[in-house]
Amino acid sequence: MCHVSDPEDFHGSAESTKEGAWIHRLTHRFVWVDDHAGWIQQQGNAIHIGIPGDVIRKMSAINPVHASPCRAAILMLAMDAGLIRFRKHGEFCNLESTCAWTETLLGAEPFLRSFLALDMTVNIYAISENTRFSAPWQTIQVALDKGNIEELCTHFQMPAGVDSPSPS
């Protein structure tokens, strides 16, 4: 694993400001970050977590102004290259990805098993599917342990007029 700080940074040390991480969906490598766009746009960091060279070149050509639409473009390029964006917000966390919700969940599973408390709520935003999934980590973990993530489909919140996604 490729992490840059210890688990205490996540679980709430007084000095911790890094409650975010990038997780590589295929390799499960992760890094703790305080600014997703700023961190991934640095070439050495992007190489370190496994972003392909053509994506790094595209990201480096984008103006990294935090509040601009350019920031969203950097995040989307990173997620399109296989990264999952993780952010902890008190008793819940968000996972954002441009891949299917099942790929997001399975790609983040080792990270989640290492760092989440059972009572924490997990929100998954599958950007390409325009879906939001929300369930307690304990519920998700039971489904993963049984090898039956299909039972999690009942936890989706869909935009109006959209059918529930099938697990793939």
Protein backbone atom coordinates (compact mmCIF):
# COMPACT_ATOMS: atom_id res chain seq x y z
CA MET A 1 0.00 0.00 0.00
CA CYS A 2 1.08 3.50 -0.68
CA HIS A 3 -0.04 5.71 2.16
CA VAL A 4 1.68 8.85 3.32
CA SER A 5 0.50 9.02 6.90
CA ASP A 6 -0.66 6.65 9.58
CA PRO A 7 -4.26 5.68 10.48
CA GLU A 8 -4.23 8.10 13.43
CA ASP A 9 -4.46 10.93 10.90
CA PHE A 10 -7.83 9.58 9.81
CA HIS A 11 -9.26 8.63 13.17
CA GLY A 12 -9.06 12.16 14.47
CA SER A 13 -5.79 13.24 15.97
CA ALA A 14 -6.02 16.86 17.07
CA GLU A 15 -3.55 17.94 14.40
CA SER A 16 -5.18 16.03 11.55
CA THR A 17 -6.40 17.98 8.56
CA LYS A 18 -6.16 15.07 6.13
CA GLU A 19 -9.55 13.42 6.19
CA GLY A 20 -9.47 12.93 2.45
CA ALA A 21 -7.76 10.36 0.29
CA TRP A 22 -7.29 9.23 -3.26
CA ILE A 23 -7.78 5.47 -3.69
CA HIS A 24 -6.71 3.68 -6.86
CA ARG A 25 -9.62 1.49 -7.87
CA LEU A 26 -7.51 -1.34 -9.34
CA THR A 27 -4.35 -1.37 -7.21
CA HIS A 28 -6.03 -0.25 -3.95
CA ARG A 29 -3.11 2.10 -3.32
CA PHE A 30 -4.12 5.21 -1.41
CA VAL A 31 -2.75 8.50 -0.23
CA TRP A 32 -4.09 10.85 2.43
CA VAL A 33 -4.65 14.35 1.04
CA ASP A 34 -6.02 17.66 2.25
CA ASP A 35 -6.78 19.02 -1.25
CA HIS A 36 -7.64 16.41 -3.88
CA ALA A 37 -7.17 18.64 -6.94
CA GLY A 38 -4.01 20.34 -5.71
CA TRP A 39 -2.39 17.07 -4.70
CA ILE A 40 -3.16 15.10 -7.88
CA GLN A 41 -2.13 17.93 -10.19
CA GLN A 42 1.45 17.71 -8.92
CA GLN A 43 3.19 15.45 -11.44
CA GLY A 44 5.20 13.44 -8.90
CA ASN A 45 2.08 12.69 -6.89
CA ALA A 46 0.10 11.64 -9.96
CA ILE A 47 2.89 9.29 -11.03
CA HIS A 48 3.18 7.92 -7.47
CA ILE A 49 -0.45 6.77 -7.33
CA GLY A 50 -0.51 5.44 -10.90
CA ILE A 51 -2.01 8.07 -13.19
CA PRO A 52 -1.05 7.48 -16.86
CA GLY A 53 1.25 10.02 -18.53
CA ASP A 54 -1.35 11.28 -21.02
CA VAL A 55 -3.73 12.13 -18.16
CA ILE A 56 -0.92 13.83 -16.22
CA ARG A 57 -0.21 16.03 -19.25
CA LYS A 58 -3.90 17.00 -19.52
CA MET A 59 -4.06 17.83 -15.79
CA SER A 60 -0.89 19.92 -15.88
CA ALA A 61 -2.38 22.08 -18.65
CA ILE A 62 -5.34 23.05 -16.42
CA ASN A 63 -5.26 26.19 -14.28
CA PRO A 64 -5.48 24.89 -10.69
CA VAL A 65 -7.53 27.77 -9.28
CA HIS A 66 -9.46 26.14 -6.42
CA ALA A 67 -12.88 27.71 -6.90
CA SER A 68 -13.00 27.51 -10.67
CA PRO A 69 -14.55 24.92 -13.00
CA CYS A 70 -10.98 23.92 -13.73
CA ARG A 71 -10.79 22.23 -10.33
CA ALA A 72 -13.72 19.99 -11.26
CA ALA A 73 -11.99 19.12 -14.54
CA ILE A 74 -8.87 17.99 -12.64
CA LEU A 75 -10.97 15.82 -10.33
CA MET A 76 -12.86 14.25 -13.25
CA LEU A 77 -9.65 13.45 -15.13
CA ALA A 78 -8.24 11.74 -12.03
CA MET A 79 -11.42 9.75 -11.46
CA ASP A 80 -11.62 8.79 -15.16
CA ALA A 81 -8.07 7.43 -14.76
CA GLY A 82 -9.21 5.03 -12.02
CA LEU A 83 -9.10 7.04 -8.81
CA ILE A 84 -11.81 7.15 -6.17
CA ARG A 85 -12.16 10.36 -4.19
CA PHE A 86 -12.70 9.77 -0.47
CA ARG A 87 -13.64 12.41 2.09
CA LYS A 88 -14.64 11.92 5.75
CA HIS A 89 -17.24 14.27 7.23
CA GLY A 90 -17.74 13.39 10.90
CA GLU A 91 -20.00 10.32 11.09
CA PHE A 92 -20.19 9.76 7.33
CA CYS A 93 -17.85 9.56 4.38
CA ASN A 94 -18.22 10.15 0.66
CA LEU A 95 -16.75 8.12 -2.16
CA GLU A 96 -16.90 9.70 -5.63
CA SER A 97 -15.99 7.98 -8.85
CA THR A 98 -16.80 7.95 -12.54
CA CYS A 99 -17.04 4.16 -12.64
CA ALA A 100 -19.97 1.93 -11.70
CA TRP A 101 -21.03 1.91 -8.06
CA THR A 102 -19.95 -1.72 -7.66
CA GLU A 103 -16.48 -0.95 -9.01
CA THR A 104 -16.24 2.02 -6.64
CA LEU A 105 -17.24 -0.10 -3.66
CA LEU A 106 -14.97 -3.01 -4.51
CA GLY A 107 -12.07 -0.69 -5.37
CA ALA A 108 -12.37 1.08 -2.01
CA GLU A 109 -13.16 -2.05 0.04
CA PRO A 110 -9.66 -2.69 1.48
CA PHE A 111 -9.36 0.98 2.46
CA LEU A 112 -12.82 1.03 4.03
CA ARG A 113 -12.15 -2.18 5.98
CA SER A 114 -8.96 -0.65 7.36
CA PHE A 115 -10.27 2.73 8.41
CA LEU A 116 -14.04 2.88 8.94
CA ALA A 117 -15.98 2.35 12.14
CA LEU A 118 -18.99 0.04 11.78
CA ASP A 119 -21.47 2.83 12.58
CA MET A 120 -20.14 5.19 9.92
CA THR A 121 -22.43 5.90 6.95
CA VAL A 122 -20.92 5.47 3.50
CA ASN A 123 -22.20 7.60 0.60
CA ILE A 124 -21.17 6.55 -2.90
CA TYR A 125 -21.65 8.98 -5.76
CA ALA A 126 -21.42 7.14 -9.08
CA ILE A 127 -21.06 10.19 -11.31
CA SER A 128 -21.32 8.36 -14.64
CA GLU A 129 -24.53 6.60 -13.49
CA ASN A 130 -25.94 9.72 -11.81
CA THR A 131 -26.71 7.69 -8.69
CA ARG A 132 -26.20 8.11 -4.98
CA PHE A 133 -25.87 5.16 -2.62
CA SER A 134 -26.00 5.49 1.14
CA ALA A 135 -25.80 2.80 3.83
CA PRO A 136 -24.10 2.11 7.15
CA TRP A 137 -20.66 0.57 6.74
CA GLN A 138 -21.79 -2.39 8.87
CA THR A 139 -24.57 -3.18 6.35
CA ILE A 140 -22.16 -2.89 3.44
CA GLN A 141 -19.55 -5.05 5.18
CA VAL A 142 -22.10 -7.84 5.81
CA ALA A 143 -23.11 -7.84 2.14
CA LEU A 144 -19.45 -7.91 1.05
CA ASP A 145 -18.67 -10.75 3.47
CA LYS A 146 -21.58 -12.77 2.05
CA GLY A 147 -20.47 -11.98 -1.51
CA ASN A 148 -23.90 -10.51 -2.19
CA ILE A 149 -23.59 -6.82 -2.99
CA GLU A 150 -26.82 -7.06 -5.02
CA GLU A 151 -28.75 -6.76 -1.74
CA LEU A 152 -27.35 -3.23 -1.39
CA CYS A 153 -29.38 -2.01 -4.40
CA THR A 154 -32.21 -1.05 -2.03
CA HIS A 155 -29.99 1.74 -0.64
CA PHE A 156 -29.93 3.78 -3.86
CA GLN A 157 -31.36 7.24 -4.24
CA MET A 158 -32.07 7.85 -7.89
CA PRO A 159 -32.92 11.04 -9.75
CA ALA A 160 -36.60 11.25 -10.72
CA GLY A 161 -37.53 9.05 -13.66
CA VAL A 162 -34.40 6.86 -13.47
CA ASP A 163 -34.55 3.12 -12.84
CA SER A 164 -32.38 1.53 -10.15
CA PRO A 165 -29.02 0.34 -11.51
CA SER A 166 -28.22 -3.32 -11.68
CA PRO A 167 -24.98 -4.47 -10.06
CA SER A 168 -22.31 -5.12 -12.66
